[in-house]
Protein backbone atom coordinates (compact mmCIF):
# COMPACT_ATOMS: atom_id res chain seq x y z
CA MET A 1 8.90 -9.08 -9.11
CA LYS A 2 7.07 -11.31 -6.68
CA LYS A 3 4.89 -12.79 -9.41
CA SER A 4 5.07 -12.55 -13.20
CA SER A 5 2.55 -11.65 -15.87
CA ILE A 6 2.02 -10.94 -19.60
CA ILE A 7 -0.75 -8.77 -21.12
CA PRO A 8 -1.54 -7.60 -24.67
CA LEU A 9 -0.62 -4.07 -25.71
CA SER A 10 -3.61 -2.30 -27.26
CA ALA A 11 -5.37 0.14 -24.96
CA ILE A 12 -3.63 3.37 -25.92
CA LEU A 13 -3.59 2.77 -29.69
CA GLY A 14 -7.31 1.96 -29.77
CA ALA A 15 -8.25 5.08 -27.80
CA VAL A 16 -6.06 7.38 -29.87
CA LEU A 17 -7.48 6.15 -33.14
CA LEU A 18 -11.02 6.95 -31.99
CA SER A 19 -10.06 10.60 -31.68
CA SER A 20 -8.16 10.84 -34.96
CA SER A 21 -9.41 11.59 -38.45
CA PHE A 22 -8.93 7.93 -39.43
CA VAL A 23 -11.19 6.76 -42.23
CA ALA A 24 -12.07 3.05 -41.88
CA PRO A 25 -10.79 0.79 -44.66
CA ASN A 26 -12.97 -1.52 -46.68
CA ALA A 27 -14.45 -4.01 -44.21
CA HIS A 28 -13.66 -6.90 -46.53
CA ALA A 29 -9.98 -6.06 -47.01
CA PHE A 30 -6.95 -6.43 -44.74
CA ALA A 31 -5.18 -3.13 -44.02
CA ILE A 32 -1.88 -1.99 -42.58
CA TRP A 33 -2.04 1.08 -40.33
CA PRO A 34 -0.85 4.03 -42.41
CA SER A 35 1.83 6.43 -41.20
CA SER A 36 -0.45 9.35 -42.04
CA VAL A 37 -4.04 10.03 -42.94
CA GLU A 38 -5.03 12.97 -45.16
CA GLY A 39 -1.53 14.38 -44.65
CA GLN A 40 -1.68 14.19 -40.85
CA THR A 41 0.84 12.08 -38.95
CA MET A 42 -0.72 9.30 -36.88
CA PRO A 43 -0.32 9.69 -33.09
CA SER A 44 2.61 7.84 -31.53
CA LEU A 45 4.14 7.36 -28.10
CA ALA A 46 7.65 7.26 -29.57
CA PRO A 47 8.59 10.93 -28.96
CA MET A 48 7.65 10.69 -25.28
CA LEU A 49 9.49 7.38 -24.84
CA GLU A 50 12.62 8.67 -26.48
CA LYS A 51 12.83 11.25 -23.63
CA SER A 52 11.78 9.03 -20.73
CA THR A 53 13.27 5.57 -21.41
CA PRO A 54 16.92 6.68 -20.85
CA ALA A 55 15.94 7.28 -17.21
CA VAL A 56 14.97 3.63 -16.73
CA VAL A 57 17.80 1.17 -16.01
CA SER A 58 18.30 -2.58 -15.73
CA ILE A 59 19.59 -3.94 -12.46
CA SER A 60 21.47 -7.23 -11.96
CA VAL A 61 22.43 -8.42 -8.48
CA LYS A 62 24.64 -11.07 -6.94
CA GLY A 63 24.73 -12.24 -3.37
CA THR A 64 24.27 -15.10 -0.93
CA HIS A 65 21.33 -15.99 1.25
CA LYS A 66 20.68 -18.45 4.01
CA VAL A 67 18.72 -21.60 3.23
CA LYS A 68 17.63 -24.32 5.63
CA GLN A 69 19.60 -27.50 5.21
CA ASN A 70 17.40 -30.57 5.12
CA ILE A 71 18.98 -33.73 6.59
CA PRO A 72 17.84 -36.86 4.70
CA GLU A 73 16.05 -39.42 6.83
CA ILE A 74 18.64 -42.06 5.99
CA PHE A 75 21.31 -40.16 7.93
CA ARG A 76 19.14 -40.10 11.01
CA PHE A 77 18.67 -43.86 10.60
CA PHE A 78 22.44 -44.36 10.66
CA GLY A 79 22.93 -42.56 13.94
CA GLN A 80 23.31 -38.92 12.83
CA GLN A 81 20.07 -37.76 14.40
CA ASN A 82 22.01 -35.34 16.63
CA ARG A 83 22.63 -33.01 13.71
CA ASN A 84 20.84 -29.67 14.05
CA PRO A 85 17.63 -29.99 11.97
CA ASN A 86 17.56 -26.18 11.63
CA GLN A 87 21.08 -25.91 10.27
CA THR A 88 21.44 -23.35 7.50
CA GLN A 89 23.96 -22.80 4.78
CA GLN A 90 24.87 -19.92 2.49
CA ARG A 91 23.95 -20.26 -1.19
CA PRO A 92 24.78 -17.81 -3.99
CA PHE A 93 22.03 -16.20 -6.02
CA ARG A 94 21.55 -13.87 -8.94
CA GLY A 95 18.65 -11.61 -9.70
CA LEU A 96 17.32 -9.10 -12.18
CA GLY A 97 15.18 -6.01 -11.84
CA SER A 98 14.69 -2.46 -12.98
CA GLY A 99 15.21 1.02 -11.59
CA VAL A 100 14.50 4.68 -12.29
CA ILE A 101 16.96 7.59 -12.26
CA ILE A 102 15.32 10.38 -10.22
CA ASP A 103 18.37 12.66 -9.86
CA ALA A 104 20.93 12.74 -12.66
CA LYS A 105 23.36 15.03 -10.82
CA GLU A 106 23.56 12.84 -7.69
CA GLY A 107 23.10 9.56 -9.52
CA TYR A 108 20.10 8.50 -7.43
CA ILE A 109 18.17 5.46 -8.62
CA VAL A 110 14.94 4.18 -7.08
CA THR A 111 14.00 0.50 -7.20
CA ASN A 112 12.15 -2.09 -5.10
CA ASN A 113 13.70 -3.28 -1.88
CA HIS A 114 13.07 -6.92 -2.80
CA VAL A 115 15.27 -6.49 -5.90
CA VAL A 116 18.40 -5.56 -3.94
CA GLU A 117 17.59 -6.72 -0.40
CA GLN A 118 20.34 -9.34 -0.01
CA ALA A 119 22.63 -8.23 -2.81
CA ASP A 120 26.38 -8.08 -2.28
CA GLU A 121 26.95 -6.67 -5.78
CA ILE A 122 24.58 -4.36 -7.71
CA THR A 123 25.25 -3.57 -11.39
CA ILE A 124 23.32 -0.94 -13.28
CA THR A 125 22.96 -1.16 -17.05
CA LEU A 126 21.99 2.12 -18.71
CA LYS A 127 19.99 2.28 -21.92
CA ASP A 128 23.16 3.37 -23.80
CA GLY A 129 24.85 0.10 -22.69
CA ARG A 130 27.11 1.40 -19.94
CA GLN A 131 27.43 -0.87 -16.93
CA ILE A 132 28.18 0.74 -13.54
CA GLU A 133 28.46 -0.60 -10.02
CA ALA A 134 25.93 0.88 -7.61
CA LYS A 135 25.80 1.23 -3.87
CA LYS A 136 22.67 1.03 -1.76
CA LEU A 137 22.04 4.19 0.29
CA GLY A 138 19.04 2.81 2.18
CA SER A 139 15.75 0.95 1.89
CA ASP A 140 12.39 0.38 3.48
CA ALA A 141 11.09 -3.18 3.48
CA GLY A 142 7.65 -2.11 4.72
CA SER A 143 6.91 -0.14 1.54
CA ASP A 144 9.36 -2.06 -0.72
CA ILE A 145 11.44 0.99 -1.70
CA ALA A 146 15.22 1.15 -2.02
CA LEU A 147 17.56 3.99 -3.08
CA LEU A 148 20.78 3.35 -5.00
CA GLN A 149 23.54 5.66 -6.19
CA ILE A 150 25.93 5.50 -9.11
CA ASP A 151 28.82 7.72 -10.20
CA ALA A 152 28.36 8.52 -13.86
CA ASP A 153 28.09 11.44 -16.27
CA ASN A 154 25.43 12.24 -18.86
CA LEU A 155 22.55 10.63 -16.97
CA THR A 156 18.92 11.29 -17.76
CA GLU A 157 16.50 11.78 -14.88
CA ILE A 158 12.75 11.32 -14.99
CA VAL A 159 10.22 14.01 -14.10
CA ILE A 160 8.19 13.02 -11.05
CA SER A 161 4.47 13.64 -11.34
CA ASP A 162 1.90 14.26 -8.61
CA SER A 163 0.31 10.82 -8.26
CA ASP A 164 -2.54 12.26 -6.16
CA LYS A 165 -3.88 13.80 -9.39
CA LEU A 166 -4.32 10.44 -11.11
CA ARG A 167 -7.78 9.34 -12.15
CA VAL A 168 -9.10 5.92 -13.01
CA GLY A 169 -8.95 5.65 -16.80
CA ASP A 170 -5.75 7.69 -17.25
CA PHE A 171 -3.33 6.06 -19.68
CA THR A 172 -0.22 4.37 -18.30
CA VAL A 173 3.04 3.11 -19.78
CA ALA A 174 5.22 0.57 -17.95
CA ILE A 175 8.96 0.61 -18.70
CA GLY A 176 11.34 -2.06 -17.46
CA SER A 177 13.42 -5.11 -18.29
CA PRO A 178 11.22 -8.18 -18.04
CA PHE A 179 12.85 -11.63 -17.96
CA GLY A 180 16.25 -10.11 -18.78
CA LEU A 181 15.11 -9.31 -22.34
CA GLY A 182 16.27 -5.71 -22.19
CA GLN A 183 14.22 -2.58 -21.96
CA THR A 184 10.54 -3.15 -22.83
CA VAL A 185 7.52 -0.86 -22.98
CA THR A 186 3.91 -1.87 -22.36
CA SER A 187 0.76 0.19 -22.06
CA GLY A 188 -2.64 0.26 -20.34
CA ILE A 189 -4.71 2.43 -18.06
CA VAL A 190 -5.11 3.15 -14.35
CA SER A 191 -7.57 0.44 -13.38
CA ALA A 192 -7.97 1.51 -9.75
CA LEU A 193 -6.40 3.72 -7.09
CA GLY A 194 -5.71 3.26 -3.39
CA ARG A 195 -5.52 -0.51 -3.60
CA SER A 196 -4.70 -1.99 -0.17
CA GLY A 197 -5.34 -5.02 2.04
CA LEU A 198 -3.51 -7.25 -0.48
CA ASP A 199 -0.81 -8.45 1.94
CA ILE A 200 1.83 -7.70 -0.70
CA GLU A 201 3.55 -5.08 1.46
CA ASN A 202 3.12 -3.82 4.98
CA TYR A 203 2.05 -0.34 3.79
CA GLU A 204 -0.14 -0.45 0.72
CA ASP A 205 -1.64 2.36 -1.34
CA PHE A 206 -1.17 0.93 -4.82
CA ILE A 207 -1.97 2.17 -8.30
CA GLN A 208 -3.57 -0.74 -10.16
CA THR A 209 -2.91 -0.95 -13.88
CA ASP A 210 -3.49 -3.41 -16.71
CA ALA A 211 -0.19 -2.46 -18.37
CA ALA A 212 1.92 -5.65 -18.51
CA ILE A 213 4.25 -5.95 -15.52
CA ASN A 214 6.45 -9.02 -15.53
CA SER A 215 9.32 -10.63 -13.64
CA GLY A 216 12.25 -8.24 -14.03
CA ASN A 217 9.91 -5.19 -14.20
CA SER A 218 10.16 -4.75 -10.44
CA GLY A 219 11.44 -1.26 -9.66
CA GLY A 220 10.71 0.01 -13.14
CA ALA A 221 8.73 3.07 -14.10
CA LEU A 222 5.02 3.57 -14.57
CA VAL A 223 4.61 6.83 -16.47
CA ASN A 224 1.80 8.95 -17.89
CA LEU A 225 1.54 10.09 -21.52
CA ARG A 226 3.90 13.01 -20.76
CA GLY A 227 6.60 10.58 -19.72
CA GLU A 228 6.36 11.66 -16.07
CA LEU A 229 6.83 9.11 -13.31
CA ILE A 230 3.53 8.20 -11.57
CA GLY A 231 4.60 4.97 -9.90
CA ILE A 232 7.23 2.30 -9.23
CA ASN A 233 6.13 -1.11 -10.52
CA THR A 234 6.25 -3.69 -7.75
CA ALA A 235 3.92 -6.70 -8.05
CA ILE A 236 1.10 -8.47 -9.90
CA LEU A 237 -1.81 -10.54 -8.89
CA GLY A 238 -2.57 -13.64 -10.90
CA PRO A 239 -3.26 -17.37 -10.59
CA ASN A 240 -0.10 -19.53 -10.59
CA GLY A 241 1.96 -16.43 -11.41
CA GLY A 242 0.10 -15.95 -14.66
CA ASN A 243 -1.14 -12.51 -15.78
CA VAL A 244 -4.74 -11.50 -15.68
CA GLY A 245 -4.11 -7.77 -16.25
CA ILE A 246 -3.74 -6.79 -12.59
CA GLY A 247 -0.49 -5.06 -11.79
CA PHE A 248 0.43 -2.79 -8.89
CA ALA A 249 2.76 0.23 -8.59
CA ILE A 250 3.79 2.33 -5.57
CA PRO A 251 2.54 5.92 -6.13
CA SER A 252 5.24 8.43 -6.99
CA ASN A 253 4.29 10.70 -4.08
CA MET A 254 4.68 7.89 -1.55
CA MET A 255 8.02 6.92 -3.11
CA HIS A 256 9.25 10.51 -3.13
CA ASN A 257 8.40 11.09 0.54
CA LEU A 258 10.25 7.93 1.60
CA VAL A 259 13.28 8.60 -0.62
CA LYS A 260 13.70 12.08 0.89
CA GLN A 261 13.94 10.50 4.33
CA ILE A 262 16.48 7.93 3.12
CA ILE A 263 18.59 10.73 1.63
CA GLU A 264 18.41 12.75 4.85
CA PHE A 265 18.70 10.00 7.48
CA GLY A 266 19.88 6.86 5.66
CA GLU A 267 16.60 5.18 6.69
CA VAL A 268 12.87 5.90 6.86
CA HIS A 269 11.70 7.72 9.99
CA ARG A 270 8.07 6.69 9.66
CA GLY A 271 5.43 9.02 11.08
CA ILE A 272 2.62 7.49 13.11
CA LEU A 273 -0.72 8.97 14.16
CA GLY A 274 -1.24 6.58 17.04
CA VAL A 275 -4.70 5.31 16.22
CA SER A 276 -6.37 2.07 15.32
CA GLY A 277 -9.46 1.81 13.19
CA ARG A 278 -11.08 0.44 10.08
CA SER A 279 -12.41 1.52 6.73
CA VAL A 280 -15.84 3.08 6.53
CA ASN A 281 -18.33 0.97 4.54
CA SER A 282 -22.10 1.12 4.09
CA GLU A 283 -22.79 -1.03 7.16
CA LEU A 284 -20.64 1.10 9.42
CA ALA A 285 -21.97 4.32 7.93
CA LYS A 286 -25.54 3.16 8.66
CA ALA A 287 -24.69 2.01 12.19
CA MET A 288 -22.91 5.26 13.08
CA GLU A 289 -25.29 7.51 11.07
CA LEU A 290 -22.46 8.80 8.93
CA LYS A 291 -23.03 10.81 5.80
CA THR A 292 -20.07 9.24 4.05
CA ASN A 293 -19.10 5.68 3.19
CA LYS A 294 -15.43 6.47 2.67
CA GLY A 295 -12.55 7.30 4.97
CA GLY A 296 -10.81 5.93 8.04
CA PHE A 297 -13.02 5.36 11.10
CA ILE A 298 -11.09 5.86 14.34
CA GLU A 299 -11.82 3.18 16.93
CA GLN A 300 -9.05 3.99 19.40
CA VAL A 301 -6.67 6.82 20.07
CA MET A 302 -3.47 5.80 21.88
CA PRO A 303 -2.50 7.76 25.02
CA ASP A 304 0.18 10.44 24.47
CA SER A 305 0.07 9.88 20.71
CA ALA A 306 0.18 12.48 17.97
CA ALA A 307 -3.55 11.98 17.38
CA ALA A 308 -4.35 12.47 21.08
CA GLU A 309 -2.35 15.66 21.23
CA ALA A 310 -4.09 17.01 18.13
CA GLY A 311 -7.55 16.30 19.59
CA ILE A 312 -8.61 13.34 17.43
CA LYS A 313 -11.27 11.30 19.21
CA PRO A 314 -12.72 7.78 18.82
CA GLY A 315 -15.62 7.95 16.43
CA ASP A 316 -13.98 10.54 14.16
CA VAL A 317 -13.75 9.76 10.48
CA ILE A 318 -10.64 10.97 8.66
CA THR A 319 -11.51 11.81 5.09
CA LYS A 320 -8.51 13.83 3.86
CA VAL A 321 -4.75 14.02 4.42
CA ASN A 322 -3.25 17.38 3.40
CA GLY A 323 -6.34 18.06 1.31
CA LYS A 324 -6.17 14.73 -0.54
CA SER A 325 -9.12 12.34 -0.07
CA VAL A 326 -8.59 8.93 1.53
CA LYS A 327 -11.05 6.16 0.81
CA THR A 328 -9.99 3.50 3.35
CA PHE A 329 -8.19 3.12 6.65
CA HIS A 330 -5.42 1.21 4.81
CA GLU A 331 -4.93 4.12 2.45
CA LEU A 332 -4.85 6.53 5.41
CA ARG A 333 -2.24 4.36 7.15
CA ALA A 334 -0.06 4.17 4.01
CA LYS A 335 -0.18 7.90 3.35
CA ILE A 336 0.66 8.75 6.94
CA SER A 337 3.44 6.15 7.02
CA SER A 338 5.27 7.76 4.09
CA ILE A 339 5.36 11.12 5.86
CA GLY A 340 8.32 11.47 8.20
CA ALA A 341 8.12 11.62 11.98
CA GLY A 342 8.07 15.18 13.19
CA LYS A 343 6.24 16.45 10.13
CA LYS A 344 2.96 18.35 10.40
CA VAL A 345 -0.10 16.96 8.61
CA ASP A 346 -3.46 18.63 7.96
CA LEU A 347 -6.34 16.21 8.47
CA THR A 348 -9.98 16.66 7.56
CA ILE A 349 -12.30 14.80 9.89
CA ILE A 350 -16.01 14.32 10.30
CA ARG A 351 -17.24 14.51 13.88
CA ASN A 352 -20.94 14.38 14.79
CA GLY A 353 -21.84 15.04 11.15
CA LYS A 354 -19.67 18.16 10.87
CA GLU A 355 -16.40 18.58 9.00
CA LYS A 356 -13.41 19.80 11.02
CA GLU A 357 -9.79 20.57 10.20
CA LEU A 358 -6.96 19.49 12.52
CA THR A 359 -3.17 19.76 12.30
CA VAL A 360 -1.19 16.85 13.65
CA LYS A 361 2.57 16.63 14.30
CA LEU A 362 3.48 13.01 13.65
CA LYS A 363 5.61 10.95 15.99
CA GLN A 364 6.35 7.28 16.75
CA SER A 365 3.80 5.34 18.69
CA LYS A 366 2.45 1.82 19.08
CA ALA A 367 -0.94 0.72 17.80
CA SER A 368 -3.02 -2.25 18.80
CA ASN A 369 -5.44 -4.37 16.85
CA VAL A 370 -8.98 -5.04 18.04
CA ALA A 371 -10.48 -8.46 17.47
CA ALA A 372 -13.97 -9.13 16.13
CA ALA A 373 -16.61 -11.79 16.85
CA ASN A 374 -20.23 -12.65 16.27
CA ILE A 375 -22.48 -10.19 18.10
CA HIS A 376 -24.64 -13.00 19.57
CA GLN A 377 -21.67 -14.53 21.31
CA MET A 378 -19.58 -11.49 22.23
CA PHE A 379 -20.59 -11.29 25.89
CA GLU A 380 -20.31 -15.02 26.54
CA GLY A 381 -17.72 -15.47 29.31
CA ALA A 382 -18.03 -11.88 30.58
CA LYS A 383 -19.65 -10.78 33.84
CA LEU A 384 -21.73 -7.64 33.35
CA GLU A 385 -22.71 -5.20 36.09
CA ASN A 386 -24.55 -1.87 36.14
CA ASN A 387 -22.37 1.12 36.91
CA ASN A 388 -24.60 3.68 38.72
CA ASN A 389 -26.77 4.11 35.59
CA SER A 390 -23.77 5.43 33.63
CA GLY A 391 -23.05 2.30 31.60
CA VAL A 392 -22.29 -1.38 31.86
CA ILE A 393 -19.04 -2.45 33.42
CA ILE A 394 -17.21 -5.68 32.58
CA SER A 395 -16.25 -7.03 36.01
CA ASN A 396 -14.69 -10.26 34.76
CA VAL A 397 -13.67 -11.95 31.52
CA ALA A 398 -13.04 -15.69 31.28
CA ASP A 399 -9.87 -16.85 29.50
CA ASN A 400 -10.36 -17.98 25.89
CA SER A 401 -14.02 -16.92 25.96
CA PRO A 402 -15.84 -15.17 23.08
CA ALA A 403 -15.80 -12.01 25.19
CA GLN A 404 -12.03 -12.13 25.51
CA ARG A 405 -11.59 -12.90 21.79
CA VAL A 406 -13.70 -9.90 20.82
CA GLY A 407 -11.32 -7.70 22.83
CA LEU A 408 -13.30 -7.03 26.01
CA LYS A 409 -11.29 -6.68 29.21
CA GLN A 410 -12.00 -6.59 32.92
CA GLY A 411 -12.81 -3.04 33.92
CA ASP A 412 -14.14 -1.92 30.50
CA LEU A 413 -17.14 0.42 30.80
CA ILE A 414 -19.63 0.21 27.90
CA THR A 415 -21.29 3.62 27.51
CA ALA A 416 -22.82 3.45 24.00
CA ILE A 417 -23.49 1.24 20.97
CA ASN A 418 -23.64 2.76 17.50
CA ARG A 419 -23.96 6.21 19.05
CA THR A 420 -26.91 5.11 21.20
CA ARG A 421 -26.37 5.80 24.89
CA ILE A 422 -26.30 2.72 27.11
CA ASN A 423 -26.97 3.38 30.84
CA ASN A 424 -27.52 -0.14 32.14
CA ILE A 425 -27.75 -3.84 31.29
CA ALA A 426 -31.45 -3.61 30.43
CA GLU A 427 -30.82 -0.97 27.77
CA LEU A 428 -27.92 -3.03 26.47
CA ARG A 429 -30.09 -6.12 26.05
CA ASN A 430 -32.96 -4.17 24.52
CA TYR A 431 -30.67 -2.56 21.96
CA LEU A 432 -29.09 -5.88 20.96
CA LYS A 433 -32.40 -7.74 20.65
CA ASP A 434 -33.02 -8.90 17.07
CA ARG A 435 -30.26 -6.61 15.70
CA LYS A 436 -27.65 -7.77 13.20
CA GLY A 437 -24.70 -6.21 11.42
CA VAL A 438 -21.76 -4.15 12.58
CA PHE A 439 -21.76 -2.87 16.16
CA ALA A 440 -19.50 -0.13 17.53
CA LEU A 441 -19.15 -0.43 21.32
CA ASN A 442 -18.03 2.84 22.87
CA ILE A 443 -16.02 1.81 25.93
CA ILE A 444 -13.89 3.56 28.52
CA ARG A 445 -10.67 1.70 29.35
CA ASP A 446 -7.99 3.08 31.64
CA ASN A 447 -9.77 6.48 31.54
CA TYR A 448 -9.54 6.64 27.75
CA SER A 449 -12.54 6.42 25.42
CA GLN A 450 -12.32 4.09 22.40
CA TYR A 451 -14.48 2.05 20.03
CA LEU A 452 -14.58 -1.73 19.84
CA MET A 453 -15.96 -2.96 16.51
CA VAL A 454 -17.92 -6.20 16.48
CA ARG A 455 -19.62 -7.96 13.60
């Protein structure tokens, strides 16, 4: 766990009581919850947990890691200043975490990469008390997933649910071993879906929950009320490591896709579309006259990429991946990244106001980021020239100028802004006069069309 947290356990009980035949006790008296009311047994999560908790394990690790050796100033004073200031040394460490058995026959256990990343020894403790040495089959630091294997009989595996069917408000139960206390269960709800841009991992499409996730819960299970795995607990967000009811889990579908690749190849063969872009918001939707404020807006399509071969164009908005809606570009990137290279993906896009279906065969490619700058300064340092009434060409860009920082390059041909055709400098100036907000410059660079987003 990268941060730790504690949260009260009450959400599920309160909701269940509202739907029961419970008769309120005297308001002036203290009451103990009865085991039954009018002959009916009170609802309980115990039967579900008795089936699912044996599939959740505790993980302890040992290893060594490199730490920078600081040389006290006094040694430099006494003539030892020639020592390497960047000298490192190996130091032993121990760590705790959790894991989930996803295949009892093969002994496969999923956990977080950061739990076992530098471990030399990995010990699994089952709920029945057995301790077994595990080996790491592979991991993916970008998504924080690792796959372990143990050799043991009578294991219990968890049922993996379709995390794409989750809804905000669905009940959740987190199972893990916080602070080395042993297996612990907490409850809450799905607070949000598709959380990204948090800089917790490189590829983010988190389930957010208010179920308590603490240090040592990393790699543990987030399950639904049927005891099915919906996510792998990985991090929390809170001031000074304290809990404010914001925990994050990697969706089970994302985990499952990555694990299948690790089993097959020993590593993740990440699929890439070969595009750069940003999330659609109200400003961009207004500027581009879009009928949606969700999805991934495509600014640039890389040459010879999977996207280019499938016919994706700059200005397209990708709204679904394999029939599942995506709300942001980050979510799009995370979903695509968990699908292996060489796999075919069905994308739903919006182009010129019309919905279109495309099939893309993913492959490895390189993407580039496009900078942003204030619209009133973006052409400072650039020399503009008319190009035979077919746009405005950038004939020169000064080093370290606002134009260079925004991403403009010598030879770029500006042909449109926010879907408005630009034929010459006069039209460019007239369009920009007194306008504010997000601007999408449609440019042609090296014979390829792309969008450059400027705020």
